[in-house]
Amino acid sequence: MTDMTVAKTILQQLGGKVFTMMTGAKNFTGDKTTLTFSLPGAGGFTKQGINRVAVALTPLDTYTVTFYRLRKGNPLKVVAERTMVYCDQLRAVFTEVTGLEVSL
């Protein structure tokens, strides 16, 4: 069984249930160092059509956040990536890149 401790911690640092309600995030998956999830992708919901996000814990105890766009018939495309992100910067980085607010 996969240890989901880090993935659950990342979700809490993003805002937990409020984050999922504000952004429409769903299809959460994770492993011992990463959380990935989907965002609604229709009609310009996010900047640059971002509809997949991966947040990975690095050995330096910071995160690498990768933003993707996936469309039918097209390969997965990296839209943006931010490295050396501290836990208290996760929400701001997410909002900056996607244009979605993560809390009220």
PDB file of N, CA and C in Angstrom:
ATOM      1  N   MET A   1       0.849  -1.189   0.000  1.00  0.00           N
ATOM      2  CA  MET A   1       0.000   0.000   0.000  1.00  0.00           C
ATOM      3  C   MET A   1       0.891   1.247   0.000  1.00  0.00           C
ATOM      4  N   THR A   2       0.514   2.231  -0.780  1.00  0.00           N
ATOM      5  CA  THR A   2       1.299   3.452  -0.918  1.00  0.00           C
ATOM      6  C   THR A   2       1.094   4.366   0.278  1.00  0.00           C
ATOM      7  N   ASP A   3       2.181   4.946   0.753  1.00  0.00           N
ATOM      8  CA  ASP A   3       2.122   5.908   1.851  1.00  0.00           C
ATOM      9  C   ASP A   3       1.632   7.245   1.292  1.00  0.00           C
ATOM     10  N   MET A   4       0.469   7.674   1.718  1.00  0.00           N
ATOM     11  CA  MET A   4      -0.152   8.904   1.205  1.00  0.00           C
ATOM     12  C   MET A   4       0.027  10.088   2.154  1.00  0.00           C
ATOM     13  N   THR A   5       0.897   9.979   3.129  1.00  0.00           N
ATOM     14  CA  THR A   5       1.076  11.037   4.116  1.00  0.00           C
ATOM     15  C   THR A   5       1.474  12.360   3.472  1.00  0.00           C
ATOM     16  N   VAL A   6       2.460  12.343   2.583  1.00  0.00           N
ATOM     17  CA  VAL A   6       2.917  13.575   1.932  1.00  0.00           C
ATOM     18  C   VAL A   6       1.819  14.140   1.034  1.00  0.00           C
ATOM     19  N   ALA A   7       1.154  13.292   0.267  1.00  0.00           N
ATOM     20  CA  ALA A   7       0.083  13.759  -0.619  1.00  0.00           C
ATOM     21  C   ALA A   7      -1.030  14.437   0.180  1.00  0.00           C
ATOM     22  N   LYS A   8      -1.403  13.849   1.301  1.00  0.00           N
ATOM     23  CA  LYS A   8      -2.448  14.447   2.145  1.00  0.00           C
ATOM     24  C   LYS A   8      -1.976  15.763   2.751  1.00  0.00           C
ATOM     25  N   THR A   9      -0.712  15.840   3.121  1.00  0.00           N
ATOM     26  CA  THR A   9      -0.160  17.078   3.670  1.00  0.00           C
ATOM     27  C   THR A   9      -0.154  18.183   2.618  1.00  0.00           C
ATOM     28  N   ILE A  10       0.220  17.851   1.395  1.00  0.00           N
ATOM     29  CA  ILE A  10       0.214  18.841   0.303  1.00  0.00           C
ATOM     30  C   ILE A  10      -1.192  19.382   0.105  1.00  0.00           C
ATOM     31  N   LEU A  11      -2.189  18.506   0.084  1.00  0.00           N
ATOM     32  CA  LEU A  11      -3.567  18.964  -0.089  1.00  0.00           C
ATOM     33  C   LEU A  11      -3.979  19.892   1.040  1.00  0.00           C
ATOM     34  N   GLN A  12      -3.608  19.583   2.267  1.00  0.00           N
ATOM     35  CA  GLN A  12      -3.931  20.465   3.390  1.00  0.00           C
ATOM     36  C   GLN A  12      -3.222  21.810   3.258  1.00  0.00           C
ATOM     37  N   GLN A  13      -1.982  21.806   2.787  1.00  0.00           N
ATOM     38  CA  GLN A  13      -1.246  23.054   2.606  1.00  0.00           C
ATOM     39  C   GLN A  13      -1.863  23.915   1.500  1.00  0.00           C
ATOM     40  N   LEU A  14      -2.491  23.275   0.522  1.00  0.00           N
ATOM     41  CA  LEU A  14      -3.188  24.018  -0.533  1.00  0.00           C
ATOM     42  C   LEU A  14      -4.516  24.586  -0.043  1.00  0.00           C
ATOM     43  N   GLY A  15      -5.060  24.007   1.012  1.00  0.00           N
ATOM     44  CA  GLY A  15      -6.312  24.514   1.566  1.00  0.00           C
ATOM     45  C   GLY A  15      -7.366  23.464   1.829  1.00  0.00           C
ATOM     46  N   GLY A  16      -7.071  22.211   1.566  1.00  0.00           N
ATOM     47  CA  GLY A  16      -8.001  21.128   1.878  1.00  0.00           C
ATOM     48  C   GLY A  16      -9.314  21.225   1.130  1.00  0.00           C
ATOM     49  N   LYS A  17     -10.415  21.045   1.855  1.00  0.00           N
ATOM     50  CA  LYS A  17     -11.742  21.044   1.238  1.00  0.00           C
ATOM     51  C   LYS A  17     -12.088  22.385   0.602  1.00  0.00           C
ATOM     52  N   VAL A  18     -11.659  23.476   1.214  1.00  0.00           N
ATOM     53  CA  VAL A  18     -11.931  24.798   0.631  1.00  0.00           C
ATOM     54  C   VAL A  18     -11.239  24.906  -0.727  1.00  0.00           C
ATOM     55  N   PHE A  19     -10.009  24.404  -0.816  1.00  0.00           N
ATOM     56  CA  PHE A  19      -9.281  24.409  -2.086  1.00  0.00           C
ATOM     57  C   PHE A  19     -10.052  23.649  -3.153  1.00  0.00           C
ATOM     58  N   THR A  20     -10.544  22.458  -2.825  1.00  0.00           N
ATOM     59  CA  THR A  20     -11.259  21.660  -3.821  1.00  0.00           C
ATOM     60  C   THR A  20     -12.557  22.327  -4.241  1.00  0.00           C
ATOM     61  N   MET A  21     -13.248  22.965  -3.324  1.00  0.00           N
ATOM     62  CA  MET A  21     -14.491  23.654  -3.673  1.00  0.00           C
ATOM     63  C   MET A  21     -14.221  24.895  -4.520  1.00  0.00           C
ATOM     64  N   MET A  22     -13.202  25.650  -4.201  1.00  0.00           N
ATOM     65  CA  MET A  22     -12.909  26.891  -4.918  1.00  0.00           C
ATOM     66  C   MET A  22     -12.356  26.638  -6.325  1.00  0.00           C
ATOM     67  N   THR A  23     -11.630  25.555  -6.504  1.00  0.00           N
ATOM     68  CA  THR A  23     -10.944  25.318  -7.778  1.00  0.00           C
ATOM     69  C   THR A  23     -11.595  24.243  -8.639  1.00  0.00           C
ATOM     70  N   GLY A  24     -12.435  23.415  -8.060  1.00  0.00           N
ATOM     71  CA  GLY A  24     -13.014  22.297  -8.803  1.00  0.00           C
ATOM     72  C   GLY A  24     -12.042  21.139  -8.961  1.00  0.00           C
ATOM     73  N   ALA A  25     -10.966  21.143  -8.194  1.00  0.00           N
ATOM     74  CA  ALA A  25      -9.964  20.080  -8.283  1.00  0.00           C
ATOM     75  C   ALA A  25     -10.595  18.729  -7.969  1.00  0.00           C
ATOM     76  N   LYS A  26     -10.161  17.695  -8.711  1.00  0.00           N
ATOM     77  CA  LYS A  26     -10.713  16.350  -8.524  1.00  0.00           C
ATOM     78  C   LYS A  26      -9.690  15.329  -9.014  1.00  0.00           C
ATOM     79  N   ASN A  27     -10.045  14.070  -8.955  1.00  0.00           N
ATOM     80  CA  ASN A  27      -9.189  12.979  -9.423  1.00  0.00           C
ATOM     81  C   ASN A  27      -7.809  13.024  -8.764  1.00  0.00           C
ATOM     82  N   PHE A  28      -7.797  13.148  -7.459  1.00  0.00           N
ATOM     83  CA  PHE A  28      -6.543  13.219  -6.710  1.00  0.00           C
ATOM     84  C   PHE A  28      -5.861  11.854  -6.698  1.00  0.00           C
ATOM     85  N   THR A  29      -4.571  11.860  -6.979  1.00  0.00           N
ATOM     86  CA  THR A  29      -3.748  10.670  -6.845  1.00  0.00           C
ATOM     87  C   THR A  29      -2.441  11.085  -6.191  1.00  0.00           C
ATOM     88  N   GLY A  30      -1.784  10.150  -5.600  1.00  0.00           N
ATOM     89  CA  GLY A  30      -0.532  10.499  -4.949  1.00  0.00           C
ATOM     90  C   GLY A  30       0.308   9.285  -4.669  1.00  0.00           C
ATOM     91  N   ASP A  31       1.504   9.577  -4.217  1.00  0.00           N
ATOM     92  CA  ASP A  31       2.412   8.535  -3.769  1.00  0.00           C
ATOM     93  C   ASP A  31       3.203   9.094  -2.605  1.00  0.00           C
ATOM     94  N   LYS A  32       4.343   8.513  -2.304  1.00  0.00           N
ATOM     95  CA  LYS A  32       5.075   8.929  -1.106  1.00  0.00           C
ATOM     96  C   LYS A  32       5.672  10.327  -1.203  1.00  0.00           C
ATOM     97  N   THR A  33       5.740  10.939  -2.407  1.00  0.00           N
ATOM     98  CA  THR A  33       6.304  12.289  -2.520  1.00  0.00           C
ATOM     99  C   THR A  33       5.493  13.242  -3.387  1.00  0.00           C
ATOM    100  N   THR A  34       4.372  12.808  -3.978  1.00  0.00           N
ATOM    101  CA  THR A  34       3.686  13.621  -4.978  1.00  0.00           C
ATOM    102  C   THR A  34       2.170  13.584  -4.815  1.00  0.00           C
ATOM    103  N   LEU A  35       1.546  14.728  -5.128  1.00  0.00           N
ATOM    104  CA  LEU A  35       0.099  14.819  -5.264  1.00  0.00           C
ATOM    105  C   LEU A  35      -0.189  15.323  -6.664  1.00  0.00           C
ATOM    106  N   THR A  36      -1.066  14.638  -7.386  1.00  0.00           N
ATOM    107  CA  THR A  36      -1.510  15.111  -8.699  1.00  0.00           C
ATOM    108  C   THR A  36      -3.022  15.189  -8.695  1.00  0.00           C
ATOM    109  N   PHE A  37      -3.557  16.120  -9.491  1.00  0.00           N
ATOM    110  CA  PHE A  37      -5.001  16.275  -9.577  1.00  0.00           C
ATOM    111  C   PHE A  37      -5.380  16.963 -10.877  1.00  0.00           C
ATOM    112  N   SER A  38      -6.674  16.885 -11.188  1.00  0.00           N
ATOM    113  CA  SER A  38      -7.231  17.495 -12.388  1.00  0.00           C
ATOM    114  C   SER A  38      -7.998  18.751 -12.017  1.00  0.00           C
ATOM    115  N   LEU A  39      -8.080  19.665 -12.967  1.00  0.00           N
ATOM    116  CA  LEU A  39      -8.906  20.863 -12.858  1.00  0.00           C
ATOM    117  C   LEU A  39      -9.890  20.874 -14.009  1.00  0.00           C
ATOM    118  N   PRO A  40     -11.041  21.545 -13.845  1.00  0.00           N
ATOM    119  CA  PRO A  40     -11.961  21.665 -14.981  1.00  0.00           C
ATOM    120  C   PRO A  40     -11.218  22.314 -16.149  1.00  0.00           C
ATOM    121  N   GLY A  41     -11.406  21.787 -17.346  1.00  0.00           N
ATOM    122  CA  GLY A  41     -10.617  22.274 -18.466  1.00  0.00           C
ATOM    123  C   GLY A  41     -11.386  22.959 -19.562  1.00  0.00           C
ATOM    124  N   ALA A  42     -12.680  23.129 -19.411  1.00  0.00           N
ATOM    125  CA  ALA A  42     -13.470  23.675 -20.509  1.00  0.00           C
ATOM    126  C   ALA A  42     -13.620  25.194 -20.432  1.00  0.00           C
ATOM    127  N   GLY A  43     -13.662  25.809 -21.573  1.00  0.00           N
ATOM    128  CA  GLY A  43     -14.049  27.207 -21.684  1.00  0.00           C
ATOM    129  C   GLY A  43     -13.167  28.219 -20.988  1.00  0.00           C
ATOM    130  N   GLY A  44     -11.873  28.002 -20.979  1.00  0.00           N
ATOM    131  CA  GLY A  44     -10.986  28.997 -20.385  1.00  0.00           C
ATOM    132  C   GLY A  44     -11.107  29.112 -18.883  1.00  0.00           C
ATOM    133  N   PHE A  45     -11.386  28.018 -18.220  1.00  0.00           N
ATOM    134  CA  PHE A  45     -11.530  28.031 -16.767  1.00  0.00           C
ATOM    135  C   PHE A  45     -10.252  28.494 -16.081  1.00  0.00           C
ATOM    136  N   THR A  46      -9.109  28.077 -16.616  1.00  0.00           N
ATOM    137  CA  THR A  46      -7.824  28.475 -16.046  1.00  0.00           C
ATOM    138  C   THR A  46      -6.992  29.185 -17.108  1.00  0.00           C
ATOM    139  N   LYS A  47      -5.967  29.882 -16.651  1.00  0.00           N
ATOM    140  CA  LYS A  47      -5.025  30.489 -17.585  1.00  0.00           C
ATOM    141  C   LYS A  47      -4.368  29.394 -18.418  1.00  0.00           C
ATOM    142  N   GLN A  48      -4.219  29.649 -19.683  1.00  0.00           N
ATOM    143  CA  GLN A  48      -3.505  28.765 -20.604  1.00  0.00           C
ATOM    144  C   GLN A  48      -4.082  27.356 -20.670  1.00  0.00           C
ATOM    145  N   GLY A  49      -5.330  27.185 -20.259  1.00  0.00           N
ATOM    146  CA  GLY A  49      -5.985  25.887 -20.361  1.00  0.00           C
ATOM    147  C   GLY A  49      -5.418  24.813 -19.448  1.00  0.00           C
ATOM    148  N   ILE A  50      -4.788  25.205 -18.366  1.00  0.00           N
ATOM    149  CA  ILE A  50      -4.205  24.231 -17.434  1.00  0.00           C
ATOM    150  C   ILE A  50      -5.314  23.353 -16.857  1.00  0.00           C
ATOM    151  N   ASN A  51      -5.127  22.029 -16.941  1.00  0.00           N
ATOM    152  CA  ASN A  51      -6.129  21.141 -16.371  1.00  0.00           C
ATOM    153  C   ASN A  51      -5.543  19.953 -15.609  1.00  0.00           C
ATOM    154  N   ARG A  52      -4.247  19.952 -15.411  1.00  0.00           N
ATOM    155  CA  ARG A  52      -3.582  18.947 -14.577  1.00  0.00           C
ATOM    156  C   ARG A  52      -2.473  19.643 -13.792  1.00  0.00           C
ATOM    157  N   VAL A  53      -2.286  19.213 -12.545  1.00  0.00           N
ATOM    158  CA  VAL A  53      -1.243  19.795 -11.695  1.00  0.00           C
ATOM    159  C   VAL A  53      -0.575  18.664 -10.920  1.00  0.00           C
ATOM    160  N   ALA A  54       0.748  18.751 -10.806  1.00  0.00           N
ATOM    161  CA  ALA A  54       1.511  17.811  -9.982  1.00  0.00           C
ATOM    162  C   ALA A  54       2.359  18.621  -9.007  1.00  0.00           C
ATOM    163  N   VAL A  55       2.284  18.267  -7.736  1.00  0.00           N
ATOM    164  CA  VAL A  55       3.080  18.917  -6.701  1.00  0.00           C
ATOM    165  C   VAL A  55       3.969  17.833  -6.093  1.00  0.00           C
ATOM    166  N   ALA A  56       5.289  18.013  -6.241  1.00  0.00           N
ATOM    167  CA  ALA A  56       6.234  16.988  -5.798  1.00  0.00           C
ATOM    168  C   ALA A  56       7.179  17.542  -4.740  1.00  0.00           C
ATOM    169  N   LEU A  57       7.317  16.808  -3.659  1.00  0.00           N
ATOM    170  CA  LEU A  57       8.262  17.155  -2.596  1.00  0.00           C
ATOM    171  C   LEU A  57       9.665  16.811  -3.055  1.00  0.00           C
ATOM    172  N   THR A  58      10.600  17.738  -2.876  1.00  0.00           N
ATOM    173  CA  THR A  58      11.984  17.505  -3.275  1.00  0.00           C
ATOM    174  C   THR A  58      12.823  17.149  -2.040  1.00  0.00           C
ATOM    175  N   PRO A  59      14.033  16.640  -2.234  1.00  0.00           N
ATOM    176  CA  PRO A  59      14.904  16.329  -1.096  1.00  0.00           C
ATOM    177  C   PRO A  59      15.277  17.558  -0.259  1.00  0.00           C
ATOM    178  N   LEU A  60      15.118  18.760  -0.816  1.00  0.00           N
ATOM    179  CA  LEU A  60      15.431  19.988  -0.084  1.00  0.00           C
ATOM    180  C   LEU A  60      14.263  20.459   0.786  1.00  0.00           C
ATOM    181  N   ASP A  61      13.200  19.636   0.869  1.00  0.00           N
ATOM    182  CA  ASP A  61      11.990  19.965   1.620  1.00  0.00           C
ATOM    183  C   ASP A  61      11.270  21.181   1.033  1.00  0.00           C
ATOM    184  N   THR A  62      11.367  21.337  -0.277  1.00  0.00           N
ATOM    185  CA  THR A  62      10.594  22.317  -1.024  1.00  0.00           C
ATOM    186  C   THR A  62       9.776  21.538  -2.044  1.00  0.00           C
ATOM    187  N   TYR A  63       8.972  22.243  -2.824  1.00  0.00           N
ATOM    188  CA  TYR A  63       8.130  21.579  -3.815  1.00  0.00           C
ATOM    189  C   TYR A  63       8.482  22.029  -5.226  1.00  0.00           C
ATOM    190  N   THR A  64       8.269  21.127  -6.158  1.00  0.00           N
ATOM    191  CA  THR A  64       8.247  21.460  -7.575  1.00  0.00           C
ATOM    192  C   THR A  64       6.803  21.308  -8.012  1.00  0.00           C
ATOM    193  N   VAL A  65       6.236  22.379  -8.570  1.00  0.00           N
ATOM    194  CA  VAL A  65       4.841  22.373  -9.001  1.00  0.00           C
ATOM    195  C   VAL A  65       4.833  22.461 -10.526  1.00  0.00           C
ATOM    196  N   THR A  66       4.243  21.453 -11.161  1.00  0.00           N
ATOM    197  CA  THR A  66       4.193  21.401 -12.613  1.00  0.00           C
ATOM    198  C   THR A  66       2.744  21.496 -13.063  1.00  0.00           C
ATOM    199  N   PHE A  67       2.492  22.373 -14.027  1.00  0.00           N
ATOM    200  CA  PHE A  67       1.151  22.639 -14.547  1.00  0.00           C
ATOM    201  C   PHE A  67       1.080  22.127 -15.981  1.00  0.00           C
ATOM    202  N   TYR A  68       0.048  21.345 -16.280  1.00  0.00           N
ATOM    203  CA  TYR A  68      -0.081  20.696 -17.580  1.00  0.00           C
ATOM    204  C   TYR A  68      -1.395  21.073 -18.261  1.00  0.00           C
ATOM    205  N   ARG A  69      -1.393  20.853 -19.579  1.00  0.00           N
ATOM    206  CA  ARG A  69      -2.622  20.931 -20.367  1.00  0.00           C
ATOM    207  C   ARG A  69      -2.732  19.621 -21.135  1.00  0.00           C
ATOM    208  N   LEU A  70      -3.874  18.968 -21.004  1.00  0.00           N
ATOM    209  CA  LEU A  70      -4.133  17.723 -21.714  1.00  0.00           C
ATOM    210  C   LEU A  70      -5.425  17.895 -22.504  1.00  0.00           C
ATOM    211  N   ARG A  71      -5.349  17.655 -23.789  1.00  0.00           N
ATOM    212  CA  ARG A  71      -6.511  17.734 -24.673  1.00  0.00           C
ATOM    213  C   ARG A  71      -6.613  16.447 -25.470  1.00  0.00           C
ATOM    214  N   LYS A  72      -7.835  16.070 -25.817  1.00  0.00           N
ATOM    215  CA  LYS A  72      -8.046  14.868 -26.624  1.00  0.00           C
ATOM    216  C   LYS A  72      -7.214  14.941 -27.896  1.00  0.00           C
ATOM    217  N   GLY A  73      -6.549  13.854 -28.189  1.00  0.00           N
ATOM    218  CA  GLY A  73      -5.782  13.769 -29.419  1.00  0.00           C
ATOM    219  C   GLY A  73      -4.441  14.480 -29.390  1.00  0.00           C
ATOM    220  N   ASN A  74      -4.104  15.130 -28.280  1.00  0.00           N
ATOM    221  CA  ASN A  74      -2.831  15.831 -28.160  1.00  0.00           C
ATOM    222  C   ASN A  74      -2.045  15.260 -26.988  1.00  0.00           C
ATOM    223  N   PRO A  75      -0.721  15.320 -27.071  1.00  0.00           N
ATOM    224  CA  PRO A  75       0.085  14.833 -25.938  1.00  0.00           C
ATOM    225  C   PRO A  75      -0.002  15.783 -24.748  1.00  0.00           C
ATOM    226  N   LEU A  76       0.319  15.276 -23.584  1.00  0.00           N
ATOM    227  CA  LEU A  76       0.376  16.078 -22.365  1.00  0.00           C
ATOM    228  C   LEU A  76       1.435  17.156 -22.545  1.00  0.00           C
ATOM    229  N   LYS A  77       1.076  18.410 -22.295  1.00  0.00           N
ATOM    230  CA  LYS A  77       1.998  19.522 -22.505  1.00  0.00           C
ATOM    231  C   LYS A  77       2.266  20.232 -21.180  1.00  0.00           C
ATOM    232  N   VAL A  78       3.533  20.446 -20.855  1.00  0.00           N
ATOM    233  CA  VAL A  78       3.897  21.223 -19.673  1.00  0.00           C
ATOM    234  C   VAL A  78       3.698  22.696 -20.019  1.00  0.00           C
ATOM    235  N   VAL A  79       2.832  23.366 -19.263  1.00  0.00           N
ATOM    236  CA  VAL A  79       2.543  24.778 -19.487  1.00  0.00           C
ATOM    237  C   VAL A  79       3.476  25.644 -18.648  1.00  0.00           C
ATOM    238  N   ALA A  80       3.715  25.229 -17.401  1.00  0.00           N
ATOM    239  CA  ALA A  80       4.581  25.997 -16.497  1.00  0.00           C
ATOM    240  C   ALA A  80       5.113  25.061 -15.425  1.00  0.00           C
ATOM    241  N   GLU A  81       6.244  25.453 -14.871  1.00  0.00           N
ATOM    242  CA  GLU A  81       6.812  24.708 -13.752  1.00  0.00           C
ATOM    243  C   GLU A  81       7.482  25.691 -12.812  1.00  0.00           C
ATOM    244  N   ARG A  82       7.255  25.496 -11.525  1.00  0.00           N
ATOM    245  CA  ARG A  82       7.886  26.332 -10.498  1.00  0.00           C
ATOM    246  C   ARG A  82       8.659  25.410  -9.568  1.00  0.00           C
ATOM    247  N   THR A  83       9.907  25.767  -9.304  1.00  0.00           N
ATOM    248  CA  THR A  83      10.754  24.968  -8.428  1.00  0.00           C
ATOM    249  C   THR A  83      11.073  25.759  -7.166  1.00  0.00           C
ATOM    250  N   MET A  84      11.592  25.059  -6.181  1.00  0.00           N
ATOM    251  CA  MET A  84      11.988  25.682  -4.911  1.00  0.00           C
ATOM    252  C   MET A  84      10.826  26.442  -4.261  1.00  0.00           C
ATOM    253  N   VAL A  85       9.640  25.859  -4.288  1.00  0.00           N
ATOM    254  CA  VAL A  85       8.446  26.462  -3.701  1.00  0.00           C
ATOM    255  C   VAL A  85       8.319  25.944  -2.269  1.00  0.00           C
ATOM    256  N   TYR A  86       8.269  26.858  -1.318  1.00  0.00           N
ATOM    257  CA  TYR A  86       8.074  26.486   0.078  1.00  0.00           C
ATOM    258  C   TYR A  86       6.589  26.279   0.351  1.00  0.00           C
ATOM    259  N   CYS A  87       6.278  25.531   1.398  1.00  0.00           N
ATOM    260  CA  CYS A  87       4.877  25.185   1.678  1.00  0.00           C
ATOM    261  C   CYS A  87       3.995  26.414   1.819  1.00  0.00           C
ATOM    262  N   ASP A  88       4.517  27.486   2.388  1.00  0.00           N
ATOM    263  CA  ASP A  88       3.693  28.678   2.559  1.00  0.00           C
ATOM    264  C   ASP A  88       3.534  29.474   1.269  1.00  0.00           C
ATOM    265  N   GLN A  89       4.163  29.040   0.189  1.00  0.00           N
ATOM    266  CA  GLN A  89       4.038  29.696  -1.112  1.00  0.00           C
ATOM    267  C   GLN A  89       3.148  28.917  -2.077  1.00  0.00           C
ATOM    268  N   LEU A  90       2.729  27.720  -1.700  1.00  0.00           N
ATOM    269  CA  LEU A  90       1.969  26.869  -2.621  1.00  0.00           C
ATOM    270  C   LEU A  90       0.710  27.545  -3.145  1.00  0.00           C
ATOM    271  N   ARG A  91      -0.072  28.119  -2.280  1.00  0.00           N
ATOM    272  CA  ARG A  91      -1.333  28.749  -2.693  1.00  0.00           C
ATOM    273  C   ARG A  91      -1.084  29.909  -3.650  1.00  0.00           C
ATOM    274  N   ALA A  92      -0.112  30.759  -3.323  1.00  0.00           N
ATOM    275  CA  ALA A  92       0.180  31.922  -4.174  1.00  0.00           C
ATOM    276  C   ALA A  92       0.676  31.487  -5.549  1.00  0.00           C
ATOM    277  N   VAL A  93       1.528  30.479  -5.594  1.00  0.00           N
ATOM    278  CA  VAL A  93       2.032  29.981  -6.877  1.00  0.00           C
ATOM    279  C   VAL A  93       0.890  29.398  -7.697  1.00  0.00           C
ATOM    280  N   PHE A  94       0.037  28.620  -7.061  1.00  0.00           N
ATOM    281  CA  PHE A  94      -1.101  28.037  -7.761  1.00  0.00           C
ATOM    282  C   PHE A  94      -1.983  29.133  -8.365  1.00  0.00           C
ATOM    283  N   THR A  95      -2.305  30.153  -7.574  1.00  0.00           N
ATOM    284  CA  THR A  95      -3.155  31.249  -8.046  1.00  0.00           C
ATOM    285  C   THR A  95      -2.476  32.027  -9.166  1.00  0.00           C
ATOM    286  N   GLU A  96      -1.197  32.314  -9.010  1.00  0.00           N
ATOM    287  CA  GLU A  96      -0.460  33.067 -10.028  1.00  0.00           C
ATOM    288  C   GLU A  96      -0.491  32.366 -11.386  1.00  0.00           C
ATOM    289  N   VAL A  97      -0.267  31.059 -11.379  1.00  0.00           N
ATOM    290  CA  VAL A  97      -0.148  30.332 -12.645  1.00  0.00           C
ATOM    291  C   VAL A  97      -1.506  29.992 -13.243  1.00  0.00           C
ATOM    292  N   THR A  98      -2.472  29.587 -12.425  1.00  0.00           N
ATOM    293  CA  THR A  98      -3.773  29.158 -12.956  1.00  0.00           C
ATOM    294  C   THR A  98      -4.799  30.286 -13.052  1.00  0.00           C
ATOM    295  N   GLY A  99      -4.626  31.311 -12.231  1.00  0.00           N
ATOM    296  CA  GLY A  99      -5.618  32.377 -12.163  1.00  0.00           C
ATOM    297  C   GLY A  99      -6.785  32.042 -11.262  1.00  0.00           C
ATOM    298  N   LEU A 100      -6.740  30.910 -10.574  1.00  0.00           N
ATOM    299  CA  LEU A 100      -7.830  30.496  -9.685  1.00  0.00           C
ATOM    300  C   LEU A 100      -7.527  30.858  -8.250  1.00  0.00           C
ATOM    301  N   GLU A 101      -8.492  31.437  -7.564  1.00  0.00           N
ATOM    302  CA  GLU A 101      -8.358  31.717  -6.140  1.00  0.00           C
ATOM    303  C   GLU A 101      -8.563  30.420  -5.372  1.00  0.00           C
ATOM    304  N   VAL A 102      -7.825  30.279  -4.285  1.00  0.00           N
ATOM    305  CA  VAL A 102      -7.895  29.027  -3.523  1.00  0.00           C
ATOM    306  C   VAL A 102      -8.638  29.179  -2.189  1.00  0.00           C
ATOM    307  N   SER A 103      -9.035  30.386  -1.860  1.00  0.00           N
ATOM    308  CA  SER A 103      -9.806  30.592  -0.645  1.00  0.00           C
ATOM    309  C   SER A 103     -10.661  31.843  -0.807  1.00  0.00           C
ATOM    310  N   LEU A 104     -11.585  32.013   0.115  1.00  0.00           N
ATOM    311  CA  LEU A 104     -12.476  33.193   0.063  1.00  0.00           C
ATOM    312  C   LEU A 104     -11.773  34.430   0.513  1.00  0.00           C
TER     313      LEU A 104
END
